[in-house]
Amino acid sequence: MGFFNNAKLEPTPELAPLTKERIKATLEASSWSYHVDSDGDIGSGWDHGVIWFFTYGNQAEILQVRGIWDGKLSPDDLPQALDVVNEWNCDRLFPKGLCPDQRRGPAPGDL
């Protein structure tokens, strides 16, 4: 046996289009609080940061989830953080991690 076989698969129902309303409904179904900013972007806060849900594309058909950690690193920890993030990005396709100089702002990561 194995994971793949020659069995006929039944067609799956078509997915509903991606909409901001579906994103909000999904968050509400999980009892997660969220807010909508003046641009219509959806954000939600968790223990140590904020997660944003963006839609892109000609028909807003692309979902991007971006997390921003609100922690602070000491200047002495920055080289080690850069090493960890660079290793992570080399070994994994996603989520992408960034470790900018914190004097310039927060450190985002894309899912």
N, C-alpha and C. Protein backbone atom coordinates (compact mmCIF):
# COMPACT_ATOMS: atom_id res chain seq x y z
N MET A 1 0.84 -1.18 0.00
CA MET A 1 0.00 0.00 0.00
C MET A 1 0.88 1.23 0.00
N GLY A 2 0.33 2.30 0.13
CA GLY A 2 1.07 3.56 0.16
C GLY A 2 0.09 4.70 0.24
N PHE A 3 0.63 5.84 0.29
CA PHE A 3 -0.22 7.02 0.38
C PHE A 3 -1.01 7.21 -0.91
N PHE A 4 -0.36 6.98 -2.03
CA PHE A 4 -1.02 7.18 -3.31
C PHE A 4 -1.50 5.83 -3.85
N ASN A 5 -2.65 5.85 -4.49
CA ASN A 5 -3.15 4.66 -5.15
C ASN A 5 -3.89 5.10 -6.42
N ASN A 6 -4.42 4.15 -7.12
CA ASN A 6 -5.08 4.45 -8.39
C ASN A 6 -6.59 4.60 -8.25
N ALA A 7 -7.08 4.73 -7.04
CA ALA A 7 -8.52 4.87 -6.84
C ALA A 7 -9.02 6.17 -7.47
N LYS A 8 -10.24 6.10 -7.99
CA LYS A 8 -10.82 7.31 -8.56
C LYS A 8 -11.24 8.24 -7.42
N LEU A 9 -10.95 9.49 -7.61
CA LEU A 9 -11.31 10.49 -6.61
C LEU A 9 -12.59 11.20 -7.03
N GLU A 10 -13.43 11.43 -6.06
CA GLU A 10 -14.64 12.20 -6.32
C GLU A 10 -14.27 13.68 -6.41
N PRO A 11 -14.93 14.41 -7.28
CA PRO A 11 -14.64 15.85 -7.35
C PRO A 11 -14.97 16.52 -6.02
N THR A 12 -14.18 17.48 -5.66
CA THR A 12 -14.44 18.22 -4.43
C THR A 12 -15.25 19.46 -4.77
N PRO A 13 -16.03 19.94 -3.81
CA PRO A 13 -16.80 21.15 -4.09
C PRO A 13 -15.86 22.34 -4.29
N GLU A 14 -16.29 23.26 -5.11
CA GLU A 14 -15.47 24.45 -5.37
C GLU A 14 -15.39 25.31 -4.12
N LEU A 15 -14.20 25.83 -3.86
CA LEU A 15 -14.03 26.72 -2.72
C LEU A 15 -14.73 28.05 -2.99
N ALA A 16 -15.28 28.61 -1.93
CA ALA A 16 -15.84 29.95 -2.05
C ALA A 16 -14.70 30.94 -2.26
N PRO A 17 -14.94 32.01 -2.96
CA PRO A 17 -13.87 33.00 -3.18
C PRO A 17 -13.37 33.57 -1.85
N LEU A 18 -12.10 33.92 -1.84
CA LEU A 18 -11.51 34.58 -0.68
C LEU A 18 -12.08 35.98 -0.57
N THR A 19 -12.58 36.31 0.60
CA THR A 19 -13.07 37.66 0.87
C THR A 19 -12.67 38.04 2.28
N LYS A 20 -12.66 39.32 2.54
CA LYS A 20 -12.38 39.78 3.90
C LYS A 20 -13.49 39.34 4.85
N GLU A 21 -14.70 39.22 4.33
CA GLU A 21 -15.81 38.74 5.15
C GLU A 21 -15.57 37.30 5.59
N ARG A 22 -15.03 36.47 4.69
CA ARG A 22 -14.71 35.08 5.06
C ARG A 22 -13.60 35.04 6.10
N ILE A 23 -12.61 35.92 5.97
CA ILE A 23 -11.53 35.96 6.97
C ILE A 23 -12.11 36.32 8.33
N LYS A 24 -12.95 37.35 8.37
CA LYS A 24 -13.56 37.76 9.65
C LYS A 24 -14.45 36.66 10.21
N ALA A 25 -15.22 36.00 9.36
CA ALA A 25 -16.09 34.91 9.83
C ALA A 25 -15.26 33.76 10.41
N THR A 26 -14.11 33.48 9.80
CA THR A 26 -13.24 32.42 10.31
C THR A 26 -12.68 32.79 11.67
N LEU A 27 -12.25 34.03 11.83
CA LEU A 27 -11.76 34.49 13.14
C LEU A 27 -12.88 34.43 14.18
N GLU A 28 -14.07 34.88 13.81
CA GLU A 28 -15.21 34.86 14.73
C GLU A 28 -15.58 33.44 15.11
N ALA A 29 -15.52 32.51 14.16
CA ALA A 29 -15.85 31.10 14.45
C ALA A 29 -14.90 30.50 15.47
N SER A 30 -13.68 31.04 15.54
CA SER A 30 -12.69 30.57 16.52
C SER A 30 -12.70 31.43 17.78
N SER A 31 -13.66 32.34 17.88
CA SER A 31 -13.78 33.27 19.01
C SER A 31 -12.54 34.13 19.20
N TRP A 32 -11.89 34.50 18.09
CA TRP A 32 -10.72 35.38 18.14
C TRP A 32 -11.18 36.81 17.87
N SER A 33 -10.72 37.73 18.68
CA SER A 33 -11.06 39.12 18.44
C SER A 33 -10.16 39.67 17.34
N TYR A 34 -10.63 40.69 16.65
CA TYR A 34 -9.87 41.29 15.57
C TYR A 34 -10.31 42.74 15.43
N HIS A 35 -9.58 43.48 14.65
CA HIS A 35 -9.96 44.84 14.32
C HIS A 35 -9.73 45.07 12.83
N VAL A 36 -10.39 46.06 12.30
CA VAL A 36 -10.23 46.43 10.90
C VAL A 36 -9.72 47.87 10.87
N ASP A 37 -8.59 48.09 10.20
CA ASP A 37 -8.02 49.44 10.16
C ASP A 37 -8.69 50.28 9.07
N SER A 38 -8.25 51.51 8.94
CA SER A 38 -8.88 52.45 8.00
C SER A 38 -8.73 52.02 6.54
N ASP A 39 -7.75 51.14 6.25
CA ASP A 39 -7.58 50.61 4.89
C ASP A 39 -8.41 49.35 4.65
N GLY A 40 -9.10 48.88 5.68
CA GLY A 40 -9.87 47.65 5.55
C GLY A 40 -9.08 46.39 5.85
N ASP A 41 -7.81 46.56 6.30
CA ASP A 41 -6.99 45.40 6.64
C ASP A 41 -7.41 44.85 8.00
N ILE A 42 -7.34 43.53 8.13
CA ILE A 42 -7.79 42.84 9.34
C ILE A 42 -6.59 42.47 10.18
N GLY A 43 -6.62 42.85 11.45
CA GLY A 43 -5.52 42.53 12.36
C GLY A 43 -6.05 41.93 13.64
N SER A 44 -5.23 41.10 14.26
CA SER A 44 -5.61 40.48 15.52
C SER A 44 -4.37 40.39 16.40
N GLY A 45 -4.52 40.69 17.67
CA GLY A 45 -3.39 40.63 18.59
C GLY A 45 -3.37 39.33 19.35
N TRP A 46 -2.17 38.79 19.55
CA TRP A 46 -1.98 37.62 20.38
C TRP A 46 -0.96 37.96 21.46
N ASP A 47 -0.49 36.98 22.16
CA ASP A 47 0.35 37.21 23.33
C ASP A 47 1.53 38.15 23.10
N HIS A 48 2.25 37.97 22.03
CA HIS A 48 3.49 38.74 21.85
C HIS A 48 3.57 39.43 20.50
N GLY A 49 2.44 39.84 19.96
CA GLY A 49 2.51 40.52 18.68
C GLY A 49 1.16 40.66 18.02
N VAL A 50 1.21 41.01 16.77
CA VAL A 50 0.01 41.24 15.97
C VAL A 50 0.11 40.40 14.71
N ILE A 51 -1.00 39.88 14.28
CA ILE A 51 -1.09 39.13 13.02
C ILE A 51 -2.03 39.93 12.11
N TRP A 52 -1.56 40.19 10.90
CA TRP A 52 -2.37 40.89 9.90
C TRP A 52 -2.76 39.92 8.79
N PHE A 53 -3.97 40.08 8.28
CA PHE A 53 -4.49 39.27 7.18
C PHE A 53 -4.75 40.21 6.00
N PHE A 54 -3.93 40.09 4.97
CA PHE A 54 -4.03 40.96 3.79
C PHE A 54 -4.51 40.15 2.59
N THR A 55 -5.22 40.81 1.70
CA THR A 55 -5.57 40.19 0.42
C THR A 55 -4.92 41.01 -0.70
N TYR A 56 -4.42 40.30 -1.70
CA TYR A 56 -3.75 40.92 -2.83
C TYR A 56 -4.25 40.27 -4.12
N GLY A 57 -3.87 40.84 -5.23
CA GLY A 57 -4.24 40.30 -6.53
C GLY A 57 -5.34 41.14 -7.17
N ASN A 58 -5.55 40.91 -8.46
CA ASN A 58 -6.56 41.68 -9.20
C ASN A 58 -7.95 41.52 -8.62
N GLN A 59 -8.23 40.36 -8.04
CA GLN A 59 -9.55 40.11 -7.46
C GLN A 59 -9.44 39.81 -5.97
N ALA A 60 -8.36 40.26 -5.33
CA ALA A 60 -8.12 40.02 -3.90
C ALA A 60 -8.16 38.52 -3.60
N GLU A 61 -7.58 37.73 -4.53
CA GLU A 61 -7.64 36.27 -4.42
C GLU A 61 -6.42 35.67 -3.71
N ILE A 62 -5.47 36.50 -3.33
CA ILE A 62 -4.25 36.02 -2.67
C ILE A 62 -4.28 36.44 -1.21
N LEU A 63 -4.08 35.49 -0.32
CA LEU A 63 -4.06 35.77 1.12
C LEU A 63 -2.62 35.82 1.60
N GLN A 64 -2.29 36.86 2.32
CA GLN A 64 -0.99 36.94 2.99
C GLN A 64 -1.27 37.16 4.47
N VAL A 65 -0.62 36.34 5.30
CA VAL A 65 -0.72 36.48 6.75
C VAL A 65 0.64 36.95 7.23
N ARG A 66 0.66 38.08 7.90
CA ARG A 66 1.93 38.68 8.35
C ARG A 66 1.89 38.85 9.86
N GLY A 67 2.88 38.26 10.53
CA GLY A 67 2.99 38.38 11.98
C GLY A 67 4.12 39.32 12.36
N ILE A 68 3.88 40.15 13.34
CA ILE A 68 4.90 41.08 13.82
C ILE A 68 5.05 40.87 15.32
N TRP A 69 6.23 40.42 15.71
CA TRP A 69 6.55 40.18 17.12
C TRP A 69 6.83 41.52 17.77
N ASP A 70 6.30 41.75 18.97
CA ASP A 70 6.52 43.04 19.62
C ASP A 70 7.64 43.01 20.65
N GLY A 71 8.42 41.93 20.66
CA GLY A 71 9.53 41.85 21.60
C GLY A 71 10.70 42.73 21.19
N LYS A 72 11.61 42.90 22.10
CA LYS A 72 12.80 43.71 21.84
C LYS A 72 14.04 42.87 22.11
N LEU A 73 15.02 43.00 21.26
CA LEU A 73 16.32 42.35 21.45
C LEU A 73 17.33 43.39 21.89
N SER A 74 18.25 42.96 22.71
CA SER A 74 19.35 43.86 23.05
C SER A 74 20.28 43.93 21.84
N PRO A 75 21.03 45.01 21.69
CA PRO A 75 21.97 45.10 20.56
C PRO A 75 22.96 43.92 20.53
N ASP A 76 23.30 43.39 21.71
CA ASP A 76 24.22 42.25 21.76
C ASP A 76 23.60 40.98 21.19
N ASP A 77 22.27 40.87 21.23
CA ASP A 77 21.59 39.67 20.74
C ASP A 77 21.31 39.71 19.24
N LEU A 78 21.45 40.87 18.61
CA LEU A 78 21.12 41.00 17.20
C LEU A 78 21.92 40.07 16.29
N PRO A 79 23.25 39.93 16.46
CA PRO A 79 23.98 39.00 15.57
C PRO A 79 23.47 37.56 15.66
N GLN A 80 23.17 37.09 16.86
CA GLN A 80 22.65 35.73 17.00
C GLN A 80 21.27 35.62 16.36
N ALA A 81 20.43 36.64 16.55
CA ALA A 81 19.10 36.62 15.94
C ALA A 81 19.20 36.58 14.42
N LEU A 82 20.12 37.35 13.86
CA LEU A 82 20.32 37.33 12.40
C LEU A 82 20.75 35.95 11.92
N ASP A 83 21.64 35.29 12.67
CA ASP A 83 22.07 33.94 12.31
C ASP A 83 20.89 32.97 12.33
N VAL A 84 20.07 33.04 13.37
CA VAL A 84 18.92 32.14 13.49
C VAL A 84 17.94 32.37 12.35
N VAL A 85 17.62 33.63 12.07
CA VAL A 85 16.66 33.94 11.01
C VAL A 85 17.21 33.53 9.64
N ASN A 86 18.49 33.79 9.39
CA ASN A 86 19.07 33.40 8.10
C ASN A 86 19.07 31.89 7.93
N GLU A 87 19.40 31.15 8.99
CA GLU A 87 19.36 29.69 8.91
C GLU A 87 17.94 29.21 8.66
N TRP A 88 16.99 29.79 9.37
CA TRP A 88 15.57 29.44 9.18
C TRP A 88 15.17 29.64 7.72
N ASN A 89 15.49 30.79 7.16
CA ASN A 89 15.09 31.09 5.79
C ASN A 89 15.78 30.20 4.76
N CYS A 90 16.98 29.73 5.07
CA CYS A 90 17.68 28.81 4.15
C CYS A 90 17.08 27.41 4.18
N ASP A 91 16.56 27.00 5.34
CA ASP A 91 16.06 25.64 5.51
C ASP A 91 14.57 25.50 5.22
N ARG A 92 13.84 26.59 5.18
CA ARG A 92 12.39 26.52 5.06
C ARG A 92 11.90 27.49 3.98
N LEU A 93 10.86 27.08 3.29
CA LEU A 93 10.26 27.94 2.29
C LEU A 93 9.43 29.04 2.95
N PHE A 94 8.71 28.68 3.98
CA PHE A 94 7.90 29.64 4.73
C PHE A 94 7.68 29.10 6.13
N PRO A 95 7.30 29.89 7.10
CA PRO A 95 7.18 31.34 7.00
C PRO A 95 8.53 32.00 6.89
N LYS A 96 8.55 33.13 6.24
CA LYS A 96 9.78 33.90 6.06
C LYS A 96 9.99 34.74 7.31
N GLY A 97 11.21 34.81 7.79
CA GLY A 97 11.53 35.63 8.95
C GLY A 97 12.45 36.77 8.56
N LEU A 98 12.27 37.89 9.22
CA LEU A 98 13.12 39.06 9.01
C LEU A 98 13.61 39.53 10.37
N CYS A 99 14.79 40.07 10.40
CA CYS A 99 15.33 40.59 11.65
C CYS A 99 16.02 41.92 11.37
N PRO A 100 15.22 42.96 11.14
CA PRO A 100 15.83 44.26 10.85
C PRO A 100 16.39 44.89 12.11
N ASP A 101 17.19 45.90 11.93
CA ASP A 101 17.70 46.68 13.04
C ASP A 101 16.49 47.30 13.75
N GLN A 102 16.30 46.97 15.02
CA GLN A 102 15.09 47.40 15.72
C GLN A 102 15.01 48.90 15.94
N ARG A 103 16.09 49.59 15.74
CA ARG A 103 16.00 51.05 15.86
C ARG A 103 15.18 51.61 14.71
N ARG A 104 14.93 50.78 13.69
CA ARG A 104 14.14 51.22 12.53
C ARG A 104 12.68 50.80 12.61
N GLY A 105 12.33 49.95 13.57
CA GLY A 105 10.94 49.53 13.69
C GLY A 105 10.82 48.07 14.03
N PRO A 106 9.58 47.54 14.06
CA PRO A 106 9.34 46.15 14.45
C PRO A 106 9.83 45.15 13.40
N ALA A 107 9.95 43.90 13.82
CA ALA A 107 10.43 42.83 12.94
C ALA A 107 9.26 42.01 12.42
N PRO A 108 8.89 42.15 11.14
CA PRO A 108 7.78 41.38 10.59
C PRO A 108 8.22 40.01 10.10
N GLY A 109 7.27 39.12 9.95
CA GLY A 109 7.49 37.82 9.32
C GLY A 109 6.25 37.47 8.53
N ASP A 110 6.41 36.91 7.36
CA ASP A 110 5.27 36.57 6.50
C ASP A 110 5.01 35.09 6.55
N LEU A 111 3.70 34.74 6.57
CA LEU A 111 3.28 33.33 6.51
C LEU A 111 2.64 33.09 5.17
